[in-house]
Amino acid sequence: MAEFDGKRAIITGSATGLGAATARRLAEGGAKVVINYRESRKEAEETLAFCRKAGAEALLIQGDVAEDSDCRKIVGNAIAQWGGVDILVNNAGTTKFAASADLEGLSAEDFLHLYKVNVVGAYQMIRAAQPHMKKAGMGSVVNISSIAGVTGVGSSVAYAASKGAFNTMTLSLARALAPEIRVNAVCPGFIGTRWFRDRLGEEIFAAMVEQQEKEMPLKQAGTADLVADAVVFFCGVGARHITGQFLITDAGMHLGFNPLLGR
């Protein structure tokens, strides 16, 4: 019997990158999975096809987690199809790149947009799912945060601040939703996905991968599959005695900050 047989999982922002890798891993482990996307339908359909080829039941649901009605729609579709939710991975997120010292590089609207997606969106997903997860018992919420929320180093001050708030919310909800629901956070460093490549450009992206492989203590550049290992751990039975924890997965980046991310 596979570890996640019979489990029903929602992974937000799972068309590409870490979300897609997590959906694939859970599907391979026997879970029924909801693939959620906001804009990347083609990639979401590819992730859906992979999960179904792995033998999993899977749903494709468009929705923007910044909108509460979409969050309730995503959860409602899972309930209608499978009658419950056991796992929620809050992976959807966004950023704006701005040097930390450039205080004119961010507006109030930038902060509010990042908070609306990165913090409020996850809260709305948890709120929509929690009655069903409590009913099922032994539910797991995994919040995809960032080392930016721990160290204050990241793509912008607004992003780091939003992930810091996300971490605090993880602690608050771990207390509030126990004992039926565990709430934990994974805090990745650099992940070599399209998310970074599209925002940084090929030249800077390649330089970051090279730096990771040369300078990080583990001599590795993060990948979606490597980080998905940590996410899936929190979803599974190995973490059944753990709640309110942050797991940094960054090849040791936090031991000596990456200057390309810290500028």
C-alpha atoms as a PDB file:
ATOM      1  CA  MET A   1       0.000   0.000   0.000  1.00  0.00           C
ATOM      2  CA  ALA A   2       1.354   3.416  -0.995  1.00  0.00           C
ATOM      3  CA  GLU A   3       1.759   6.014   1.737  1.00  0.00           C
ATOM      4  CA  PHE A   4      -0.930   8.372   0.453  1.00  0.00           C
ATOM      5  CA  ASP A   5      -3.534   5.853  -0.750  1.00  0.00           C
ATOM      6  CA  GLY A   6      -6.983   7.331  -0.231  1.00  0.00           C
ATOM      7  CA  LYS A   7      -5.684  10.770   0.754  1.00  0.00           C
ATOM      8  CA  ARG A   8      -7.201  13.809  -0.936  1.00  0.00           C
ATOM      9  CA  ALA A   9      -4.784  16.666  -1.617  1.00  0.00           C
ATOM     10  CA  ILE A  10      -5.075  20.218  -2.910  1.00  0.00           C
ATOM     11  CA  ILE A  11      -1.903  21.890  -4.158  1.00  0.00           C
ATOM     12  CA  THR A  12      -2.288  25.545  -5.102  1.00  0.00           C
ATOM     13  CA  GLY A  13      -0.163  26.939  -7.894  1.00  0.00           C
ATOM     14  CA  SER A  14       0.626  23.453  -9.116  1.00  0.00           C
ATOM     15  CA  ALA A  15       0.909  23.965 -12.866  1.00  0.00           C
ATOM     16  CA  THR A  16       4.697  24.304 -12.759  1.00  0.00           C
ATOM     17  CA  GLY A  17       7.715  24.269 -10.485  1.00  0.00           C
ATOM     18  CA  LEU A  18       7.520  23.141  -6.885  1.00  0.00           C
ATOM     19  CA  GLY A  19       3.724  22.862  -6.938  1.00  0.00           C
ATOM     20  CA  ALA A  20       3.814  20.542  -9.938  1.00  0.00           C
ATOM     21  CA  ALA A  21       6.624  18.467  -8.434  1.00  0.00           C
ATOM     22  CA  THR A  22       4.645  18.099  -5.200  1.00  0.00           C
ATOM     23  CA  ALA A  23       1.488  17.087  -7.058  1.00  0.00           C
ATOM     24  CA  ARG A  24       3.427  14.477  -9.026  1.00  0.00           C
ATOM     25  CA  ARG A  25       5.000  13.032  -5.882  1.00  0.00           C
ATOM     26  CA  LEU A  26       1.686  12.814  -4.031  1.00  0.00           C
ATOM     27  CA  ALA A  27       0.008  11.240  -7.065  1.00  0.00           C
ATOM     28  CA  GLU A  28       2.760   8.654  -7.312  1.00  0.00           C
ATOM     29  CA  GLY A  29       2.191   7.946  -3.615  1.00  0.00           C
ATOM     30  CA  GLY A  30      -1.480   7.147  -4.229  1.00  0.00           C
ATOM     31  CA  ALA A  31      -3.147  10.470  -3.385  1.00  0.00           C
ATOM     32  CA  LYS A  32      -6.033  12.026  -5.249  1.00  0.00           C
ATOM     33  CA  VAL A  33      -4.828  15.491  -6.264  1.00  0.00           C
ATOM     34  CA  VAL A  34      -6.268  18.846  -7.229  1.00  0.00           C
ATOM     35  CA  ILE A  35      -4.079  20.691  -9.730  1.00  0.00           C
ATOM     36  CA  ASN A  36      -4.724  24.412  -9.375  1.00  0.00           C
ATOM     37  CA  TYR A  37      -3.554  27.154 -11.705  1.00  0.00           C
ATOM     38  CA  ARG A  38      -4.284  30.835 -12.264  1.00  0.00           C
ATOM     39  CA  GLU A  39      -3.010  31.405 -15.817  1.00  0.00           C
ATOM     40  CA  SER A  40      -0.754  28.518 -16.928  1.00  0.00           C
ATOM     41  CA  ARG A  41      -3.427  26.170 -18.239  1.00  0.00           C
ATOM     42  CA  LYS A  42      -1.209  24.331 -20.740  1.00  0.00           C
ATOM     43  CA  GLU A  43       1.359  23.461 -18.075  1.00  0.00           C
ATOM     44  CA  ALA A  44      -1.390  22.564 -15.613  1.00  0.00           C
ATOM     45  CA  GLU A  45      -2.852  20.119 -18.125  1.00  0.00           C
ATOM     46  CA  GLU A  46       0.584  18.515 -18.487  1.00  0.00           C
ATOM     47  CA  THR A  47       0.826  18.082 -14.715  1.00  0.00           C
ATOM     48  CA  LEU A  48      -2.696  16.662 -14.684  1.00  0.00           C
ATOM     49  CA  ALA A  49      -1.803  14.166 -17.402  1.00  0.00           C
ATOM     50  CA  PHE A  50       1.289  13.031 -15.476  1.00  0.00           C
ATOM     51  CA  CYS A  51      -0.730  12.453 -12.307  1.00  0.00           C
ATOM     52  CA  ARG A  52      -3.381  10.464 -14.136  1.00  0.00           C
ATOM     53  CA  LYS A  53      -0.737   8.413 -15.931  1.00  0.00           C
ATOM     54  CA  ALA A  54       0.669   7.589 -12.479  1.00  0.00           C
ATOM     55  CA  GLY A  55      -2.717   6.060 -11.696  1.00  0.00           C
ATOM     56  CA  ALA A  56      -4.060   8.888  -9.538  1.00  0.00           C
ATOM     57  CA  GLU A  57      -7.443  10.531  -9.659  1.00  0.00           C
ATOM     58  CA  ALA A  58      -6.866  14.201 -10.440  1.00  0.00           C
ATOM     59  CA  LEU A  59      -8.871  17.372 -10.949  1.00  0.00           C
ATOM     60  CA  LEU A  60      -7.861  20.542 -12.789  1.00  0.00           C
ATOM     61  CA  ILE A  61      -9.300  23.717 -11.228  1.00  0.00           C
ATOM     62  CA  GLN A  62      -8.576  27.280 -12.300  1.00  0.00           C
ATOM     63  CA  GLY A  63      -8.577  29.812  -9.499  1.00  0.00           C
ATOM     64  CA  ASP A  64      -6.745  32.793  -8.020  1.00  0.00           C
ATOM     65  CA  VAL A  65      -6.091  32.296  -4.299  1.00  0.00           C
ATOM     66  CA  ALA A  66      -6.200  36.062  -3.799  1.00  0.00           C
ATOM     67  CA  GLU A  67      -9.956  35.779  -4.384  1.00  0.00           C
ATOM     68  CA  ASP A  68     -11.896  34.152  -1.554  1.00  0.00           C
ATOM     69  CA  SER A  69     -14.612  32.952  -3.912  1.00  0.00           C
ATOM     70  CA  ASP A  70     -11.993  31.070  -5.944  1.00  0.00           C
ATOM     71  CA  CYS A  71     -10.569  29.478  -2.796  1.00  0.00           C
ATOM     72  CA  ARG A  72     -14.019  28.235  -1.833  1.00  0.00           C
ATOM     73  CA  LYS A  73     -14.550  26.989  -5.402  1.00  0.00           C
ATOM     74  CA  ILE A  74     -11.295  25.015  -5.361  1.00  0.00           C
ATOM     75  CA  VAL A  75     -12.162  23.336  -2.062  1.00  0.00           C
ATOM     76  CA  GLY A  76     -15.812  22.880  -3.053  1.00  0.00           C
ATOM     77  CA  ASN A  77     -14.862  21.007  -6.205  1.00  0.00           C
ATOM     78  CA  ALA A  78     -12.646  18.635  -4.222  1.00  0.00           C
ATOM     79  CA  ILE A  79     -15.427  18.011  -1.713  1.00  0.00           C
ATOM     80  CA  ALA A  80     -17.971  17.389  -4.454  1.00  0.00           C
ATOM     81  CA  GLN A  81     -15.667  14.894  -6.141  1.00  0.00           C
ATOM     82  CA  TRP A  82     -14.125  13.106  -3.164  1.00  0.00           C
ATOM     83  CA  GLY A  83     -16.104  14.079  -0.071  1.00  0.00           C
ATOM     84  CA  GLY A  84     -13.200  15.526   1.894  1.00  0.00           C
ATOM     85  CA  VAL A  85      -9.710  17.020   2.052  1.00  0.00           C
ATOM     86  CA  ASP A  86      -6.750  15.547   3.936  1.00  0.00           C
ATOM     87  CA  ILE A  87      -3.804  17.575   2.617  1.00  0.00           C
ATOM     88  CA  LEU A  88      -3.522  21.235   1.641  1.00  0.00           C
ATOM     89  CA  VAL A  89      -0.276  22.586   0.205  1.00  0.00           C
ATOM     90  CA  ASN A  90      -0.307  26.380  -0.021  1.00  0.00           C
ATOM     91  CA  ASN A  91       2.220  26.823  -2.798  1.00  0.00           C
ATOM     92  CA  ALA A  92       0.779  29.709  -4.839  1.00  0.00           C
ATOM     93  CA  GLY A  93       2.844  32.848  -4.385  1.00  0.00           C
ATOM     94  CA  THR A  94       4.248  35.926  -6.058  1.00  0.00           C
ATOM     95  CA  THR A  95       6.959  38.545  -5.651  1.00  0.00           C
ATOM     96  CA  LYS A  96       8.365  41.778  -6.981  1.00  0.00           C
ATOM     97  CA  PHE A  97      12.099  42.091  -7.407  1.00  0.00           C
ATOM     98  CA  ALA A  98      13.568  45.218  -5.830  1.00  0.00           C
ATOM     99  CA  ALA A  99      16.908  45.829  -4.122  1.00  0.00           C
ATOM    100  CA  SER A 100      16.491  45.999  -0.352  1.00  0.00           C
ATOM    101  CA  ALA A 101      18.221  49.395  -0.165  1.00  0.00           C
ATOM    102  CA  ASP A 102      15.973  50.890  -2.863  1.00  0.00           C
ATOM    103  CA  LEU A 103      13.102  52.063  -0.714  1.00  0.00           C
ATOM    104  CA  GLU A 104      11.506  53.791  -3.702  1.00  0.00           C
ATOM    105  CA  GLY A 105      11.429  50.479  -5.553  1.00  0.00           C
ATOM    106  CA  LEU A 106       8.282  49.320  -3.750  1.00  0.00           C
ATOM    107  CA  SER A 107       4.891  50.964  -3.414  1.00  0.00           C
ATOM    108  CA  ALA A 108       2.142  50.397  -0.894  1.00  0.00           C
ATOM    109  CA  GLU A 109       0.268  48.612  -3.666  1.00  0.00           C
ATOM    110  CA  ASP A 110       3.220  46.217  -4.120  1.00  0.00           C
ATOM    111  CA  PHE A 111       3.130  45.299  -0.439  1.00  0.00           C
ATOM    112  CA  LEU A 112      -0.629  44.820  -0.478  1.00  0.00           C
ATOM    113  CA  HIS A 113      -0.547  42.653  -3.606  1.00  0.00           C
ATOM    114  CA  LEU A 114       2.152  40.384  -2.181  1.00  0.00           C
ATOM    115  CA  TYR A 115       0.317  40.071   1.124  1.00  0.00           C
ATOM    116  CA  LYS A 116      -2.968  39.374  -0.655  1.00  0.00           C
ATOM    117  CA  VAL A 117      -1.490  36.408  -2.522  1.00  0.00           C
ATOM    118  CA  ASN A 118       1.215  35.123  -0.170  1.00  0.00           C
ATOM    119  CA  VAL A 119      -0.583  35.504   3.161  1.00  0.00           C
ATOM    120  CA  VAL A 120      -4.283  36.219   2.723  1.00  0.00           C
ATOM    121  CA  GLY A 121      -4.614  33.720  -0.129  1.00  0.00           C
ATOM    122  CA  ALA A 122      -3.210  30.912   1.998  1.00  0.00           C
ATOM    123  CA  TYR A 123      -5.422  31.957   4.915  1.00  0.00           C
ATOM    124  CA  GLN A 124      -8.491  31.827   2.676  1.00  0.00           C
ATOM    125  CA  MET A 125      -7.554  28.358   1.429  1.00  0.00           C
ATOM    126  CA  ILE A 126      -7.102  27.103   4.989  1.00  0.00           C
ATOM    127  CA  ARG A 127     -10.373  28.688   6.067  1.00  0.00           C
ATOM    128  CA  ALA A 128     -12.246  27.016   3.217  1.00  0.00           C
ATOM    129  CA  ALA A 129     -10.654  23.610   3.823  1.00  0.00           C
ATOM    130  CA  GLN A 130     -10.460  23.434   7.619  1.00  0.00           C
ATOM    131  CA  PRO A 131     -13.978  22.186   8.450  1.00  0.00           C
ATOM    132  CA  HIS A 132     -13.562  19.314   6.011  1.00  0.00           C
ATOM    133  CA  MET A 133     -10.029  18.541   7.179  1.00  0.00           C
ATOM    134  CA  LYS A 134     -11.130  18.570  10.820  1.00  0.00           C
ATOM    135  CA  LYS A 135     -13.940  16.165  10.004  1.00  0.00           C
ATOM    136  CA  ALA A 136     -11.506  13.788   8.301  1.00  0.00           C
ATOM    137  CA  GLY A 137      -8.971  14.083  11.155  1.00  0.00           C
ATOM    138  CA  MET A 138      -5.157  14.021  10.940  1.00  0.00           C
ATOM    139  CA  GLY A 139      -5.115  16.681   8.238  1.00  0.00           C
ATOM    140  CA  SER A 140      -1.896  18.321   7.092  1.00  0.00           C
ATOM    141  CA  VAL A 141      -1.434  21.892   5.880  1.00  0.00           C
ATOM    142  CA  VAL A 142       1.966  22.651   4.386  1.00  0.00           C
ATOM    143  CA  ASN A 143       2.734  26.312   3.748  1.00  0.00           C
ATOM    144  CA  ILE A 144       5.429  27.048   1.178  1.00  0.00           C
ATOM    145  CA  SER A 145       7.296  29.940   2.727  1.00  0.00           C
ATOM    146  CA  SER A 146      10.913  30.982   2.096  1.00  0.00           C
ATOM    147  CA  ILE A 147      14.191  31.554   3.860  1.00  0.00           C
ATOM    148  CA  ALA A 148      13.364  35.198   3.117  1.00  0.00           C
ATOM    149  CA  GLY A 149      10.822  34.983   5.935  1.00  0.00           C
ATOM    150  CA  VAL A 150      13.511  33.733   8.323  1.00  0.00           C
ATOM    151  CA  THR A 151      16.529  35.799   7.287  1.00  0.00           C
ATOM    152  CA  GLY A 152      15.015  38.940   5.737  1.00  0.00           C
ATOM    153  CA  VAL A 153      17.077  38.282   2.590  1.00  0.00           C
ATOM    154  CA  GLY A 154      15.166  37.766  -0.623  1.00  0.00           C
ATOM    155  CA  SER A 155      13.809  39.207  -3.830  1.00  0.00           C
ATOM    156  CA  SER A 156      12.472  42.299  -2.052  1.00  0.00           C
ATOM    157  CA  VAL A 157      11.642  43.670   1.380  1.00  0.00           C
ATOM    158  CA  ALA A 158       7.943  43.228   0.614  1.00  0.00           C
ATOM    159  CA  TYR A 159       8.454  39.564  -0.248  1.00  0.00           C
ATOM    160  CA  ALA A 160      10.505  38.880   2.888  1.00  0.00           C
ATOM    161  CA  ALA A 161       7.924  40.685   5.014  1.00  0.00           C
ATOM    162  CA  SER A 162       5.069  38.679   3.493  1.00  0.00           C
ATOM    163  CA  LYS A 163       6.863  35.400   4.155  1.00  0.00           C
ATOM    164  CA  GLY A 164       7.644  36.492   7.714  1.00  0.00           C
ATOM    165  CA  ALA A 165       3.929  37.090   8.210  1.00  0.00           C
ATOM    166  CA  PHE A 166       3.230  33.720   6.596  1.00  0.00           C
ATOM    167  CA  ASN A 167       5.505  32.037   9.142  1.00  0.00           C
ATOM    168  CA  THR A 168       3.765  33.763  12.029  1.00  0.00           C
ATOM    169  CA  MET A 169       0.393  32.703  10.627  1.00  0.00           C
ATOM    170  CA  THR A 170       1.705  29.125  10.462  1.00  0.00           C
ATOM    171  CA  LEU A 171       2.371  29.215  14.214  1.00  0.00           C
ATOM    172  CA  SER A 172      -1.000  30.793  15.007  1.00  0.00           C
ATOM    173  CA  LEU A 173      -2.963  28.254  12.982  1.00  0.00           C
ATOM    174  CA  ALA A 174      -0.904  25.303  14.218  1.00  0.00           C
ATOM    175  CA  ARG A 175      -2.214  26.172  17.692  1.00  0.00           C
ATOM    176  CA  ALA A 176      -5.736  26.976  16.578  1.00  0.00           C
ATOM    177  CA  LEU A 177      -6.372  23.943  14.375  1.00  0.00           C
ATOM    178  CA  ALA A 178      -4.799  21.231  16.532  1.00  0.00           C
ATOM    179  CA  PRO A 179      -5.266  18.388  17.219  1.00  0.00           C
ATOM    180  CA  GLU A 180      -7.065  17.424  14.005  1.00  0.00           C
ATOM    181  CA  ILE A 181      -4.881  19.480  11.633  1.00  0.00           C
ATOM    182  CA  ARG A 182      -1.122  19.890  11.603  1.00  0.00           C
ATOM    183  CA  VAL A 183       0.238  23.137  10.124  1.00  0.00           C
ATOM    184  CA  ASN A 184       3.891  23.402   9.100  1.00  0.00           C
ATOM    185  CA  ALA A 185       5.989  25.440   6.681  1.00  0.00           C
ATOM    186  CA  VAL A 186       8.762  24.618   4.242  1.00  0.00           C
ATOM    187  CA  CYS A 187      11.231  27.472   3.712  1.00  0.00           C
ATOM    188  CA  PRO A 188      13.173  26.951   0.465  1.00  0.00           C
ATOM    189  CA  GLY A 189      16.142  28.938  -0.702  1.00  0.00           C
ATOM    190  CA  PHE A 190      16.928  29.146  -4.393  1.00  0.00           C
ATOM    191  CA  ILE A 191      14.931  26.750  -6.592  1.00  0.00           C
ATOM    192  CA  GLY A 192      16.038  26.415 -10.196  1.00  0.00           C
ATOM    193  CA  THR A 193      12.624  26.691 -11.825  1.00  0.00           C
ATOM    194  CA  ARG A 194      10.968  28.793 -14.515  1.00  0.00           C
ATOM    195  CA  TRP A 195       9.713  31.089 -11.732  1.00  0.00           C
ATOM    196  CA  PHE A 196      13.268  32.337 -11.146  1.00  0.00           C
ATOM    197  CA  ARG A 197      14.391  32.107 -14.789  1.00  0.00           C
ATOM    198  CA  ASP A 198      11.523  34.231 -16.116  1.00  0.00           C
ATOM    199  CA  ARG A 199      12.050  36.942 -13.522  1.00  0.00           C
ATOM    200  CA  LEU A 200      15.846  37.106 -13.535  1.00  0.00           C
ATOM    201  CA  GLY A 201      16.696  36.293 -17.146  1.00  0.00           C
ATOM    202  CA  GLU A 202      18.932  33.500 -18.414  1.00  0.00           C
ATOM    203  CA  GLU A 203      22.267  35.153 -17.597  1.00  0.00           C
ATOM    204  CA  ILE A 204      21.572  35.909 -13.925  1.00  0.00           C
ATOM    205  CA  PHE A 205      19.740  32.604 -13.506  1.00  0.00           C
ATOM    206  CA  ALA A 206      22.739  30.652 -14.840  1.00  0.00           C
ATOM    207  CA  ALA A 207      25.072  32.618 -12.559  1.00  0.00           C
ATOM    208  CA  MET A 208      22.919  31.759  -9.537  1.00  0.00           C
ATOM    209  CA  VAL A 209      22.891  28.054 -10.395  1.00  0.00           C
ATOM    210  CA  GLU A 210      26.676  28.085 -10.785  1.00  0.00           C
ATOM    211  CA  GLN A 211      27.132  29.938  -7.503  1.00  0.00           C
ATOM    212  CA  GLN A 212      24.891  27.484  -5.679  1.00  0.00           C
ATOM    213  CA  GLU A 213      26.867  24.541  -6.988  1.00  0.00           C
ATOM    214  CA  LYS A 214      30.207  26.119  -6.049  1.00  0.00           C
ATOM    215  CA  GLU A 215      29.523  27.984  -2.810  1.00  0.00           C
ATOM    216  CA  MET A 216      26.681  26.354  -0.902  1.00  0.00           C
ATOM    217  CA  PRO A 217      27.757  23.941   1.853  1.00  0.00           C
ATOM    218  CA  LEU A 218      26.043  21.010   0.076  1.00  0.00           C
ATOM    219  CA  LYS A 219      27.309  22.115  -3.383  1.00  0.00           C
ATOM    220  CA  GLN A 220      23.820  21.802  -4.850  1.00  0.00           C
ATOM    221  CA  ALA A 221      21.491  24.113  -6.714  1.00  0.00           C
ATOM    222  CA  GLY A 222      17.957  23.649  -5.454  1.00  0.00           C
ATOM    223  CA  THR A 223      15.428  21.966  -7.710  1.00  0.00           C
ATOM    224  CA  ALA A 224      11.686  21.521  -7.472  1.00  0.00           C
ATOM    225  CA  ASP A 225      12.095  17.807  -6.817  1.00  0.00           C
ATOM    226  CA  LEU A 226      14.593  18.337  -3.988  1.00  0.00           C
ATOM    227  CA  VAL A 227      12.291  20.774  -2.203  1.00  0.00           C
ATOM    228  CA  ALA A 228       9.247  18.584  -2.863  1.00  0.00           C
ATOM    229  CA  ASP A 229      10.927  15.943  -0.688  1.00  0.00           C
ATOM    230  CA  ALA A 230      10.482  18.250   2.316  1.00  0.00           C
ATOM    231  CA  VAL A 231       6.902  19.137   1.399  1.00  0.00           C
ATOM    232  CA  VAL A 232       5.881  15.497   1.025  1.00  0.00           C
ATOM    233  CA  PHE A 233       7.542  14.665   4.355  1.00  0.00           C
ATOM    234  CA  PHE A 234       5.241  17.107   6.165  1.00  0.00           C
ATOM    235  CA  CYS A 235       2.243  15.605   4.343  1.00  0.00           C
ATOM    236  CA  GLY A 236       3.013  12.082   5.457  1.00  0.00           C
ATOM    237  CA  VAL A 237       3.031   9.815   8.490  1.00  0.00           C
ATOM    238  CA  GLY A 238       6.654  10.601   9.291  1.00  0.00           C
ATOM    239  CA  ALA A 239       5.547  14.062  10.414  1.00  0.00           C
ATOM    240  CA  ARG A 240       2.442  12.973  12.330  1.00  0.00           C
ATOM    241  CA  HIS A 241       3.991  14.194  15.617  1.00  0.00           C
ATOM    242  CA  ILE A 242       5.071  17.584  14.188  1.00  0.00           C
ATOM    243  CA  THR A 243       3.187  20.867  13.978  1.00  0.00           C
ATOM    244  CA  GLY A 244       4.126  24.536  13.989  1.00  0.00           C
ATOM    245  CA  GLN A 245       7.566  23.915  12.523  1.00  0.00           C
ATOM    246  CA  PHE A 246       9.639  25.552   9.773  1.00  0.00           C
ATOM    247  CA  LEU A 247      11.913  23.360   7.672  1.00  0.00           C
ATOM    248  CA  ILE A 248      14.626  25.246   5.790  1.00  0.00           C
ATOM    249  CA  THR A 249      15.700  23.431   2.635  1.00  0.00           C
ATOM    250  CA  ASP A 250      18.414  25.421   0.888  1.00  0.00           C
ATOM    251  CA  ALA A 251      21.670  23.394   0.673  1.00  0.00           C
ATOM    252  CA  GLY A 252      22.889  25.449   3.644  1.00  0.00           C
ATOM    253  CA  MET A 253      22.364  28.880   2.056  1.00  0.00           C
ATOM    254  CA  HIS A 254      21.175  30.333   5.364  1.00  0.00           C
ATOM    255  CA  LEU A 255      24.589  29.582   6.861  1.00  0.00           C
ATOM    256  CA  GLY A 256      26.165  32.117   4.496  1.00  0.00           C
ATOM    257  CA  PHE A 257      23.731  34.248   2.537  1.00  0.00           C
ATOM    258  CA  ASN A 258      23.743  34.274  -1.244  1.00  0.00           C
ATOM    259  CA  PRO A 259      24.894  37.789  -2.275  1.00  0.00           C
ATOM    260  CA  LEU A 260      22.940  37.632  -5.520  1.00  0.00           C
ATOM    261  CA  LEU A 261      19.736  37.279  -3.496  1.00  0.00           C
ATOM    262  CA  GLY A 262      20.808  39.810  -0.889  1.00  0.00           C
ATOM    263  CA  ARG A 263      21.517  42.756  -3.168  1.00  0.00           C
END
